[in-house]
């Protein structure tokens, strides 16, 4: 698909992980997304089974799920090779870090169905600081997040939103390159800036480094995965479940 993704066989490698009900883990959720990928994704990691989380929205009070693990917040928030993409007050009592893959349908569902409520209820009210990080499972996901990174900084989150909203049109397209180009043009990309972004090897290496650190140091093996004040929660979560986790920490 893209010349810039040929090194993914060495640096963007993942193993076939167990599927949970609300998280993307690898081949099953992205089989259609790699139709014209230039190389297979090699398996170099051994990942544990991921327990499914029941995350549907309910009208009754919801009990907060138990975290799947916990990491040191200082370590989690250490600066990486890429600028952090952040929404919300830096002094908010709760920090949420989400790792996502642009070709993951569960990530798209979270950002379309649940993130708007999280943003309105907690981020815009100064209660939550939200950090979005990349964890691409395949070359097409890497290409999409690279384009969002190449857009002007103020357009990063809007472009991520558009890419998720139109995920079915480009993630499973026979010509993913052309499908992404059409979306990128709407964000102001030219043919030349599009090509320059996707052949930026340093950017690809930095995206891979973020993913590798998440997998190797923080136990991320599926998307979306959320760290809420350091506690790890894999899988898409409704606003009810997020509230059950967040509210006691305010």
C-alpha atoms as a PDB file:
ATOM      1  CA  UNK A   1       0.000   0.000   0.000  1.00  0.00           C
ATOM      2  CA  UNK A   2       2.431   2.652   1.174  1.00  0.00           C
ATOM      3  CA  UNK A   3       6.207   2.637   0.755  1.00  0.00           C
ATOM      4  CA  UNK A   4       6.627   4.000   4.262  1.00  0.00           C
ATOM      5  CA  UNK A   5       5.101   0.912   5.855  1.00  0.00           C
ATOM      6  CA  UNK A   6       7.464  -1.744   4.513  1.00  0.00           C
ATOM      7  CA  UNK A   7       9.491  -1.768   7.725  1.00  0.00           C
ATOM      8  CA  UNK A   8       6.399  -2.686   9.752  1.00  0.00           C
ATOM      9  CA  UNK A   9       7.309  -6.370   9.477  1.00  0.00           C
ATOM     10  CA  UNK A  10      10.159  -5.697  11.866  1.00  0.00           C
ATOM     11  CA  UNK A  11       8.890  -2.858  14.032  1.00  0.00           C
ATOM     12  CA  UNK A  12       5.089  -3.018  14.041  1.00  0.00           C
ATOM     13  CA  UNK A  13       4.860  -6.736  14.860  1.00  0.00           C
ATOM     14  CA  UNK A  14       2.108  -8.328  16.930  1.00  0.00           C
ATOM     15  CA  UNK A  15       0.929 -11.818  17.781  1.00  0.00           C
ATOM     16  CA  UNK A  16      -2.575 -13.171  17.293  1.00  0.00           C
ATOM     17  CA  UNK A  17      -4.318 -12.219  20.534  1.00  0.00           C
ATOM     18  CA  UNK A  18      -7.509 -13.515  22.093  1.00  0.00           C
ATOM     19  CA  UNK A  19     -10.564 -11.463  21.137  1.00  0.00           C
ATOM     20  CA  UNK A  20     -12.691  -9.827  23.786  1.00  0.00           C
ATOM     21  CA  UNK A  21     -16.221  -8.594  23.193  1.00  0.00           C
ATOM     22  CA  UNK A  22     -15.256  -4.944  23.236  1.00  0.00           C
ATOM     23  CA  UNK A  23     -11.645  -4.775  22.128  1.00  0.00           C
ATOM     24  CA  UNK A  24      -9.672  -5.248  18.931  1.00  0.00           C
ATOM     25  CA  UNK A  25      -6.712  -7.510  19.316  1.00  0.00           C
ATOM     26  CA  UNK A  26      -5.408  -8.356  15.860  1.00  0.00           C
ATOM     27  CA  UNK A  27      -6.263 -10.378  12.771  1.00  0.00           C
ATOM     28  CA  UNK A  28     -10.001 -10.967  13.223  1.00  0.00           C
ATOM     29  CA  UNK A  29     -10.823  -7.269  13.575  1.00  0.00           C
ATOM     30  CA  UNK A  30      -8.523  -6.074  10.807  1.00  0.00           C
ATOM     31  CA  UNK A  31      -8.651  -8.815   8.200  1.00  0.00           C
ATOM     32  CA  UNK A  32     -10.291  -6.510   5.676  1.00  0.00           C
ATOM     33  CA  UNK A  33      -8.008  -3.605   6.499  1.00  0.00           C
ATOM     34  CA  UNK A  34      -4.868  -5.116   4.971  1.00  0.00           C
ATOM     35  CA  UNK A  35      -6.075  -6.095   1.516  1.00  0.00           C
ATOM     36  CA  UNK A  36      -3.355  -4.097  -0.213  1.00  0.00           C
ATOM     37  CA  UNK A  37      -0.801  -3.942   2.625  1.00  0.00           C
ATOM     38  CA  UNK A  38       2.784  -4.294   1.346  1.00  0.00           C
ATOM     39  CA  UNK A  39       3.853  -6.839   3.932  1.00  0.00           C
ATOM     40  CA  UNK A  40       2.486  -9.214   6.496  1.00  0.00           C
ATOM     41  CA  UNK A  41       2.701  -8.286  10.148  1.00  0.00           C
ATOM     42  CA  UNK A  42       5.176 -10.599  11.834  1.00  0.00           C
ATOM     43  CA  UNK A  43       4.480 -12.118  15.243  1.00  0.00           C
ATOM     44  CA  UNK A  44       7.129 -11.174  17.759  1.00  0.00           C
ATOM     45  CA  UNK A  45       5.145 -10.749  20.964  1.00  0.00           C
ATOM     46  CA  UNK A  46       3.423 -13.264  23.162  1.00  0.00           C
ATOM     47  CA  UNK A  47       0.292 -11.803  24.656  1.00  0.00           C
ATOM     48  CA  UNK A  48      -1.916 -13.167  27.447  1.00  0.00           C
ATOM     49  CA  UNK A  49      -5.581 -13.886  27.026  1.00  0.00           C
ATOM     50  CA  UNK A  50      -7.716 -10.787  27.495  1.00  0.00           C
ATOM     51  CA  UNK A  51     -10.840 -11.065  29.604  1.00  0.00           C
ATOM     52  CA  UNK A  52     -14.029  -9.654  28.116  1.00  0.00           C
ATOM     53  CA  UNK A  53     -15.643  -6.687  29.825  1.00  0.00           C
ATOM     54  CA  UNK A  54     -19.395  -6.190  29.840  1.00  0.00           C
ATOM     55  CA  UNK A  55     -19.584  -2.583  28.721  1.00  0.00           C
ATOM     56  CA  UNK A  56     -23.071  -1.892  27.464  1.00  0.00           C
ATOM     57  CA  UNK A  57     -24.781   1.242  28.680  1.00  0.00           C
ATOM     58  CA  UNK A  58     -27.430   0.665  31.317  1.00  0.00           C
ATOM     59  CA  UNK A  59     -30.087   2.780  32.923  1.00  0.00           C
ATOM     60  CA  UNK A  60     -29.466   1.451  36.433  1.00  0.00           C
ATOM     61  CA  UNK A  61     -26.464   2.207  38.622  1.00  0.00           C
ATOM     62  CA  UNK A  62     -23.362   0.505  37.287  1.00  0.00           C
ATOM     63  CA  UNK A  63     -20.611  -1.004  39.374  1.00  0.00           C
ATOM     64  CA  UNK A  64     -17.100  -0.047  38.354  1.00  0.00           C
ATOM     65  CA  UNK A  65     -15.221  -2.964  36.797  1.00  0.00           C
ATOM     66  CA  UNK A  66     -12.035  -4.197  38.377  1.00  0.00           C
ATOM     67  CA  UNK A  67      -8.918  -2.979  36.566  1.00  0.00           C
ATOM     68  CA  UNK A  68      -6.855  -5.491  34.635  1.00  0.00           C
ATOM     69  CA  UNK A  69      -3.679  -4.043  36.107  1.00  0.00           C
ATOM     70  CA  UNK A  70      -1.998  -0.868  37.284  1.00  0.00           C
ATOM     71  CA  UNK A  71       1.081   1.080  36.230  1.00  0.00           C
ATOM     72  CA  UNK A  72       3.043   3.904  37.780  1.00  0.00           C
ATOM     73  CA  UNK A  73       1.544   7.193  36.607  1.00  0.00           C
ATOM     74  CA  UNK A  74       4.908   8.940  36.472  1.00  0.00           C
ATOM     75  CA  UNK A  75       6.188   6.225  34.169  1.00  0.00           C
ATOM     76  CA  UNK A  76       3.029   6.301  32.057  1.00  0.00           C
ATOM     77  CA  UNK A  77       3.277  10.058  31.593  1.00  0.00           C
ATOM     78  CA  UNK A  78       6.980  10.177  30.763  1.00  0.00           C
ATOM     79  CA  UNK A  79       7.580  12.124  27.539  1.00  0.00           C
ATOM     80  CA  UNK A  80       7.867   9.930  24.476  1.00  0.00           C
ATOM     81  CA  UNK A  81       9.085  10.535  20.933  1.00  0.00           C
ATOM     82  CA  UNK A  82       5.785  12.105  19.876  1.00  0.00           C
ATOM     83  CA  UNK A  83       4.048  15.173  21.246  1.00  0.00           C
ATOM     84  CA  UNK A  84       1.193  14.214  23.529  1.00  0.00           C
ATOM     85  CA  UNK A  85      -2.216  14.904  22.032  1.00  0.00           C
ATOM     86  CA  UNK A  86      -4.247  16.143  24.975  1.00  0.00           C
ATOM     87  CA  UNK A  87      -7.696  17.480  25.761  1.00  0.00           C
ATOM     88  CA  UNK A  88      -8.695  18.989  29.092  1.00  0.00           C
ATOM     89  CA  UNK A  89      -7.202  20.737  32.089  1.00  0.00           C
ATOM     90  CA  UNK A  90      -3.654  19.645  32.918  1.00  0.00           C
ATOM     91  CA  UNK A  91      -4.586  19.917  36.606  1.00  0.00           C
ATOM     92  CA  UNK A  92      -7.674  17.718  36.337  1.00  0.00           C
ATOM     93  CA  UNK A  93      -7.996  15.161  39.158  1.00  0.00           C
ATOM     94  CA  UNK A  94      -8.358  12.274  36.704  1.00  0.00           C
ATOM     95  CA  UNK A  95      -6.071  11.503  33.773  1.00  0.00           C
ATOM     96  CA  UNK A  96      -7.187   9.059  31.094  1.00  0.00           C
ATOM     97  CA  UNK A  97      -4.724   7.688  28.565  1.00  0.00           C
ATOM     98  CA  UNK A  98      -6.280   5.791  25.664  1.00  0.00           C
ATOM     99  CA  UNK A  99      -4.331   3.529  23.327  1.00  0.00           C
ATOM    100  CA  UNK A 100      -6.199   2.975  20.074  1.00  0.00           C
ATOM    101  CA  UNK A 101      -5.811   1.606  16.556  1.00  0.00           C
ATOM    102  CA  UNK A 102      -7.423   3.522  13.704  1.00  0.00           C
ATOM    103  CA  UNK A 103      -8.663   0.311  12.028  1.00  0.00           C
ATOM    104  CA  UNK A 104     -10.216  -1.064  15.223  1.00  0.00           C
ATOM    105  CA  UNK A 105     -14.043  -1.014  15.025  1.00  0.00           C
ATOM    106  CA  UNK A 106     -14.341  -1.020  18.830  1.00  0.00           C
ATOM    107  CA  UNK A 107     -12.183   2.119  18.965  1.00  0.00           C
ATOM    108  CA  UNK A 108     -14.381   3.727  16.333  1.00  0.00           C
ATOM    109  CA  UNK A 109     -17.496   2.793  18.300  1.00  0.00           C
ATOM    110  CA  UNK A 110     -16.061   4.312  21.478  1.00  0.00           C
ATOM    111  CA  UNK A 111     -15.163   7.571  19.758  1.00  0.00           C
ATOM    112  CA  UNK A 112     -18.512   7.827  17.999  1.00  0.00           C
ATOM    113  CA  UNK A 113     -20.832   6.621  20.773  1.00  0.00           C
ATOM    114  CA  UNK A 114     -19.162   7.191  24.140  1.00  0.00           C
ATOM    115  CA  UNK A 115     -16.405   9.768  23.783  1.00  0.00           C
ATOM    116  CA  UNK A 116     -18.762  12.711  23.126  1.00  0.00           C
ATOM    117  CA  UNK A 117     -20.423  12.123  26.517  1.00  0.00           C
ATOM    118  CA  UNK A 118     -17.038  11.736  28.223  1.00  0.00           C
ATOM    119  CA  UNK A 119     -15.901  14.987  26.675  1.00  0.00           C
ATOM    120  CA  UNK A 120     -19.021  16.916  27.635  1.00  0.00           C
ATOM    121  CA  UNK A 121     -19.381  15.536  31.150  1.00  0.00           C
ATOM    122  CA  UNK A 122     -15.771  15.345  32.292  1.00  0.00           C
ATOM    123  CA  UNK A 123     -13.199  16.823  29.900  1.00  0.00           C
ATOM    124  CA  UNK A 124     -14.878  20.155  29.210  1.00  0.00           C
ATOM    125  CA  UNK A 125     -15.743  20.581  32.901  1.00  0.00           C
ATOM    126  CA  UNK A 126     -12.114  20.254  34.027  1.00  0.00           C
ATOM    127  CA  UNK A 127     -12.534  16.882  35.710  1.00  0.00           C
ATOM    128  CA  UNK A 128     -10.596  14.736  33.224  1.00  0.00           C
ATOM    129  CA  UNK A 129      -7.417  15.219  31.256  1.00  0.00           C
ATOM    130  CA  UNK A 130      -7.551  12.969  28.187  1.00  0.00           C
ATOM    131  CA  UNK A 131      -4.477  11.755  26.274  1.00  0.00           C
ATOM    132  CA  UNK A 132      -4.774   9.834  23.005  1.00  0.00           C
ATOM    133  CA  UNK A 133      -1.947   7.523  21.936  1.00  0.00           C
ATOM    134  CA  UNK A 134      -1.440   5.322  18.920  1.00  0.00           C
ATOM    135  CA  UNK A 135      -1.316   1.529  18.990  1.00  0.00           C
ATOM    136  CA  UNK A 136      -1.675   0.508  15.322  1.00  0.00           C
ATOM    137  CA  UNK A 137      -2.229  -3.167  14.583  1.00  0.00           C
ATOM    138  CA  UNK A 138      -1.563  -2.956  10.849  1.00  0.00           C
ATOM    139  CA  UNK A 139       0.003  -0.765   8.143  1.00  0.00           C
ATOM    140  CA  UNK A 140      -3.253   0.938   7.241  1.00  0.00           C
ATOM    141  CA  UNK A 141      -3.857   1.958  10.862  1.00  0.00           C
ATOM    142  CA  UNK A 142      -0.303   3.308  11.017  1.00  0.00           C
ATOM    143  CA  UNK A 143      -0.857   5.301   7.832  1.00  0.00           C
ATOM    144  CA  UNK A 144      -4.094   6.815   9.145  1.00  0.00           C
ATOM    145  CA  UNK A 145      -2.617   7.986  12.443  1.00  0.00           C
ATOM    146  CA  UNK A 146       0.432   9.339  10.615  1.00  0.00           C
ATOM    147  CA  UNK A 147      -1.884  11.515   8.530  1.00  0.00           C
ATOM    148  CA  UNK A 148      -3.583  12.799  11.684  1.00  0.00           C
ATOM    149  CA  UNK A 149      -0.149  13.583  13.098  1.00  0.00           C
ATOM    150  CA  UNK A 150       0.858  15.422   9.924  1.00  0.00           C
ATOM    151  CA  UNK A 151      -2.229  17.634  10.000  1.00  0.00           C
ATOM    152  CA  UNK A 152      -1.987  20.961  11.843  1.00  0.00           C
ATOM    153  CA  UNK A 153      -2.062  20.249  15.574  1.00  0.00           C
ATOM    154  CA  UNK A 154      -5.464  21.842  16.087  1.00  0.00           C
ATOM    155  CA  UNK A 155      -6.860  19.477  13.454  1.00  0.00           C
ATOM    156  CA  UNK A 156      -5.549  16.286  15.060  1.00  0.00           C
ATOM    157  CA  UNK A 157      -8.643  15.353  17.060  1.00  0.00           C
ATOM    158  CA  UNK A 158     -11.103  16.441  14.345  1.00  0.00           C
ATOM    159  CA  UNK A 159      -9.210  14.336  11.810  1.00  0.00           C
ATOM    160  CA  UNK A 160      -9.194  11.330  14.126  1.00  0.00           C
ATOM    161  CA  UNK A 161     -12.948  11.787  14.491  1.00  0.00           C
ATOM    162  CA  UNK A 162     -13.458  11.863  10.718  1.00  0.00           C
ATOM    163  CA  UNK A 163     -11.242   8.829  10.178  1.00  0.00           C
ATOM    164  CA  UNK A 164     -13.235   6.867  12.750  1.00  0.00           C
ATOM    165  CA  UNK A 165     -16.552   8.048  11.324  1.00  0.00           C
ATOM    166  CA  UNK A 166     -15.504   6.951   7.846  1.00  0.00           C
ATOM    167  CA  UNK A 167     -13.554   3.896   8.966  1.00  0.00           C
ATOM    168  CA  UNK A 168     -15.600   1.481   6.868  1.00  0.00           C
ATOM    169  CA  UNK A 169     -14.908   3.443   3.704  1.00  0.00           C
ATOM    170  CA  UNK A 170     -11.108   3.340   3.957  1.00  0.00           C
ATOM    171  CA  UNK A 171     -10.165   0.499   6.318  1.00  0.00           C
ATOM    172  CA  UNK A 172     -11.756  -2.144   4.101  1.00  0.00           C
ATOM    173  CA  UNK A 173     -11.368  -0.422   0.729  1.00  0.00           C
ATOM    174  CA  UNK A 174      -9.611  -2.330  -2.028  1.00  0.00           C
ATOM    175  CA  UNK A 175      -7.459   0.752  -2.574  1.00  0.00           C
ATOM    176  CA  UNK A 176      -6.862   2.074   0.912  1.00  0.00           C
ATOM    177  CA  UNK A 177      -4.297   4.559  -0.281  1.00  0.00           C
ATOM    178  CA  UNK A 178      -6.756   6.336  -2.544  1.00  0.00           C
ATOM    179  CA  UNK A 179      -9.502   6.238   0.099  1.00  0.00           C
ATOM    180  CA  UNK A 180      -7.206   7.857   2.665  1.00  0.00           C
ATOM    181  CA  UNK A 181      -6.066  10.436   0.128  1.00  0.00           C
ATOM    182  CA  UNK A 182      -9.640  11.573  -0.444  1.00  0.00           C
ATOM    183  CA  UNK A 183     -10.175  12.041   3.300  1.00  0.00           C
ATOM    184  CA  UNK A 184      -6.814  13.777   3.664  1.00  0.00           C
ATOM    185  CA  UNK A 185      -7.707  16.238   0.895  1.00  0.00           C
ATOM    186  CA  UNK A 186     -10.661  17.387   3.002  1.00  0.00           C
ATOM    187  CA  UNK A 187      -8.168  18.255   5.752  1.00  0.00           C
ATOM    188  CA  UNK A 188      -6.088  20.329   3.364  1.00  0.00           C
ATOM    189  CA  UNK A 189      -3.529  17.771   2.216  1.00  0.00           C
ATOM    190  CA  UNK A 190      -2.198  17.925  -1.321  1.00  0.00           C
ATOM    191  CA  UNK A 191      -0.893  14.908  -3.201  1.00  0.00           C
ATOM    192  CA  UNK A 192       2.615  16.038  -2.316  1.00  0.00           C
ATOM    193  CA  UNK A 193       1.993  16.578   1.418  1.00  0.00           C
ATOM    194  CA  UNK A 194       0.114  13.273   1.576  1.00  0.00           C
ATOM    195  CA  UNK A 195       3.075  11.411   0.074  1.00  0.00           C
ATOM    196  CA  UNK A 196       5.558  13.290   2.243  1.00  0.00           C
ATOM    197  CA  UNK A 197       3.674  12.316   5.383  1.00  0.00           C
ATOM    198  CA  UNK A 198       3.440   8.637   4.530  1.00  0.00           C
ATOM    199  CA  UNK A 199       7.102   8.408   3.567  1.00  0.00           C
ATOM    200  CA  UNK A 200       8.261  10.088   6.778  1.00  0.00           C
ATOM    201  CA  UNK A 201      10.281   7.238   8.243  1.00  0.00           C
ATOM    202  CA  UNK A 202      11.020   9.050  11.505  1.00  0.00           C
ATOM    203  CA  UNK A 203       7.322   9.562  12.139  1.00  0.00           C
ATOM    204  CA  UNK A 204       6.659   5.881  11.467  1.00  0.00           C
ATOM    205  CA  UNK A 205       9.510   4.905  13.792  1.00  0.00           C
ATOM    206  CA  UNK A 206       8.108   7.169  16.514  1.00  0.00           C
ATOM    207  CA  UNK A 207       4.610   5.693  16.129  1.00  0.00           C
ATOM    208  CA  UNK A 208       6.124   2.232  16.416  1.00  0.00           C
ATOM    209  CA  UNK A 209       8.076   3.270  19.511  1.00  0.00           C
ATOM    210  CA  UNK A 210       4.908   4.476  21.272  1.00  0.00           C
ATOM    211  CA  UNK A 211       3.235   1.177  20.492  1.00  0.00           C
ATOM    212  CA  UNK A 212       6.211  -0.919  21.574  1.00  0.00           C
ATOM    213  CA  UNK A 213       6.499   0.868  24.925  1.00  0.00           C
ATOM    214  CA  UNK A 214       2.785   0.415  25.591  1.00  0.00           C
ATOM    215  CA  UNK A 215       3.024  -3.305  24.877  1.00  0.00           C
ATOM    216  CA  UNK A 216       6.299  -4.003  26.623  1.00  0.00           C
ATOM    217  CA  UNK A 217       6.042  -1.750  29.660  1.00  0.00           C
ATOM    218  CA  UNK A 218       2.326  -1.173  30.257  1.00  0.00           C
ATOM    219  CA  UNK A 219       0.775  -4.484  29.206  1.00  0.00           C
ATOM    220  CA  UNK A 220      -1.330  -3.145  26.334  1.00  0.00           C
ATOM    221  CA  UNK A 221      -2.371  -5.990  24.027  1.00  0.00           C
ATOM    222  CA  UNK A 222      -5.741  -4.847  22.667  1.00  0.00           C
ATOM    223  CA  UNK A 223      -7.536  -1.673  21.702  1.00  0.00           C
ATOM    224  CA  UNK A 224      -9.020   0.411  23.009  1.00  0.00           C
ATOM    225  CA  UNK A 225      -7.135   0.192  26.292  1.00  0.00           C
ATOM    226  CA  UNK A 226      -7.645   2.917  28.883  1.00  0.00           C
ATOM    227  CA  UNK A 227      -5.450   3.879  31.807  1.00  0.00           C
ATOM    228  CA  UNK A 228      -7.512   5.832  34.330  1.00  0.00           C
ATOM    229  CA  UNK A 229      -5.198   7.326  36.932  1.00  0.00           C
ATOM    230  CA  UNK A 230      -2.849   4.454  36.191  1.00  0.00           C
ATOM    231  CA  UNK A 231      -5.357   1.602  36.351  1.00  0.00           C
ATOM    232  CA  UNK A 232      -5.732  -0.396  33.133  1.00  0.00           C
ATOM    233  CA  UNK A 233      -9.127  -1.118  31.602  1.00  0.00           C
ATOM    234  CA  UNK A 234      -9.196  -2.934  28.238  1.00  0.00           C
ATOM    235  CA  UNK A 235     -12.201  -2.650  25.957  1.00  0.00           C
ATOM    236  CA  UNK A 236     -14.813  -0.127  24.901  1.00  0.00           C
ATOM    237  CA  UNK A 237     -16.646   1.350  27.882  1.00  0.00           C
ATOM    238  CA  UNK A 238     -19.956   3.167  28.069  1.00  0.00           C
ATOM    239  CA  UNK A 239     -20.275   6.516  29.792  1.00  0.00           C
ATOM    240  CA  UNK A 240     -22.069   4.735  32.657  1.00  0.00           C
ATOM    241  CA  UNK A 241     -19.083   2.512  33.321  1.00  0.00           C
ATOM    242  CA  UNK A 242     -16.634   5.355  32.857  1.00  0.00           C
ATOM    243  CA  UNK A 243     -18.626   7.424  35.358  1.00  0.00           C
ATOM    244  CA  UNK A 244     -18.541   4.561  37.856  1.00  0.00           C
ATOM    245  CA  UNK A 245     -14.737   4.576  37.597  1.00  0.00           C
ATOM    246  CA  UNK A 246     -14.214   8.341  37.474  1.00  0.00           C
ATOM    247  CA  UNK A 247     -16.698   9.740  39.990  1.00  0.00           C
ATOM    248  CA  UNK A 248     -15.158   8.192  43.138  1.00  0.00           C
ATOM    249  CA  UNK A 249     -11.836   9.837  42.179  1.00  0.00           C
ATOM    250  CA  UNK A 250     -13.202  13.377  41.945  1.00  0.00           C
END
